[in-house]
């Protein structure tokens, strides 16, 4: 994850505060809203981390074949990650 937990918590608090202040939503418990927003942001940021781990596992399974054919790890990493993201309809940064 590229953002610290503290910053994610700050962003969640600001989002909930602004939504309530601008009367876009009503919340009986702003702290609960802030916590839910923080959880969702963390989940979304973790999607790419999980995808990266899956790509590493796939490439480790095919390491011998890649060595035999002389395929570049970095190039294959980009291709596999792009293909998995496309299949899962993910938008990556």
Protein backbone atom coordinates (compact mmCIF):
# COMPACT_ATOMS: atom_id res chain seq x y z
CA UNK A 1 0.00 0.00 0.00
CA UNK A 2 1.43 3.35 -1.00
CA UNK A 3 -0.45 5.38 1.61
CA UNK A 4 0.09 5.15 5.36
CA UNK A 5 -2.74 3.98 7.58
CA UNK A 6 -2.75 7.36 9.30
CA UNK A 7 -3.24 9.18 6.01
CA UNK A 8 -6.03 6.80 4.98
CA UNK A 9 -7.72 7.51 8.32
CA UNK A 10 -7.30 11.25 7.78
CA UNK A 11 -8.79 11.02 4.27
CA UNK A 12 -11.74 9.01 5.58
CA UNK A 13 -12.39 11.58 8.32
CA UNK A 14 -12.23 14.45 5.82
CA UNK A 15 -14.55 12.70 3.36
CA UNK A 16 -17.16 11.95 6.01
CA UNK A 17 -16.86 15.46 7.48
CA UNK A 18 -17.33 17.12 4.09
CA UNK A 19 -20.23 14.87 3.12
CA UNK A 20 -22.02 15.71 6.36
CA UNK A 21 -21.10 19.44 6.32
CA UNK A 22 -22.33 19.83 2.75
CA UNK A 23 -25.53 18.01 3.68
CA UNK A 24 -24.93 15.38 1.04
CA UNK A 25 -25.65 12.65 3.58
CA UNK A 26 -27.00 12.34 7.10
CA UNK A 27 -25.19 10.26 9.66
CA UNK A 28 -26.31 9.55 13.21
CA UNK A 29 -22.84 8.23 14.05
CA UNK A 30 -20.13 10.06 12.08
CA UNK A 31 -17.44 7.87 13.65
CA UNK A 32 -19.07 4.74 12.19
CA UNK A 33 -19.27 6.41 8.78
CA UNK A 34 -15.60 7.40 8.99
CA UNK A 35 -14.63 3.85 9.92
CA UNK A 36 -16.59 2.37 7.00
CA UNK A 37 -15.01 4.81 4.56
CA UNK A 38 -11.54 3.99 5.93
CA UNK A 39 -12.22 0.26 5.51
CA UNK A 40 -13.38 0.68 1.91
CA UNK A 41 -10.38 2.84 0.99
CA UNK A 42 -8.05 0.25 2.54
CA UNK A 43 -9.79 -2.55 0.64
CA UNK A 44 -9.43 -0.72 -2.66
CA UNK A 45 -5.77 0.04 -2.05
CA UNK A 46 -5.17 -3.60 -1.16
CA UNK A 47 -6.56 -4.87 -4.48
CA UNK A 48 -3.36 -4.02 -6.34
CA UNK A 49 -1.21 -5.48 -3.56
CA UNK A 50 -3.08 -8.79 -3.80
CA UNK A 51 -2.82 -8.70 -7.60
CA UNK A 52 0.96 -8.14 -7.38
CA UNK A 53 1.30 -11.12 -5.05
CA UNK A 54 -0.70 -13.32 -7.42
CA UNK A 55 1.48 -12.25 -10.37
CA UNK A 56 4.62 -13.15 -8.38
CA UNK A 57 3.18 -16.59 -7.60
CA UNK A 58 2.34 -17.21 -11.26
CA UNK A 59 5.80 -16.16 -12.40
CA UNK A 60 7.44 -18.34 -9.73
CA UNK A 61 5.50 -21.33 -11.06
CA UNK A 62 6.85 -20.63 -14.55
CA UNK A 63 10.39 -19.59 -13.55
CA UNK A 64 12.08 -22.60 -15.21
CA UNK A 65 10.25 -22.07 -18.49
CA UNK A 66 11.10 -18.36 -18.42
CA UNK A 67 14.79 -19.14 -17.87
CA UNK A 68 14.79 -21.62 -20.75
CA UNK A 69 13.20 -19.17 -23.15
CA UNK A 70 15.13 -16.14 -21.90
CA UNK A 71 12.00 -14.16 -21.01
CA UNK A 72 12.52 -11.01 -18.98
CA UNK A 73 10.95 -11.16 -15.51
CA UNK A 74 10.00 -7.46 -15.61
CA UNK A 75 8.40 -7.75 -19.03
CA UNK A 76 6.47 -10.88 -18.10
CA UNK A 77 5.42 -9.23 -14.82
CA UNK A 78 3.90 -6.31 -16.72
CA UNK A 79 2.16 -8.60 -19.19
CA UNK A 80 0.70 -10.97 -16.60
CA UNK A 81 -0.40 -8.11 -14.35
CA UNK A 82 -2.00 -6.29 -17.27
CA UNK A 83 -3.82 -9.42 -18.40
CA UNK A 84 -5.14 -10.23 -14.92
CA UNK A 85 -6.25 -6.62 -14.45
CA UNK A 86 -8.02 -6.69 -17.81
CA UNK A 87 -9.76 -9.98 -17.03
CA UNK A 88 -10.94 -8.67 -13.67
CA UNK A 89 -11.82 -5.25 -15.07
CA UNK A 90 -9.53 -3.49 -12.60
CA UNK A 91 -8.29 0.05 -13.04
CA UNK A 92 -4.74 0.35 -11.77
CA UNK A 93 -2.74 3.46 -11.04
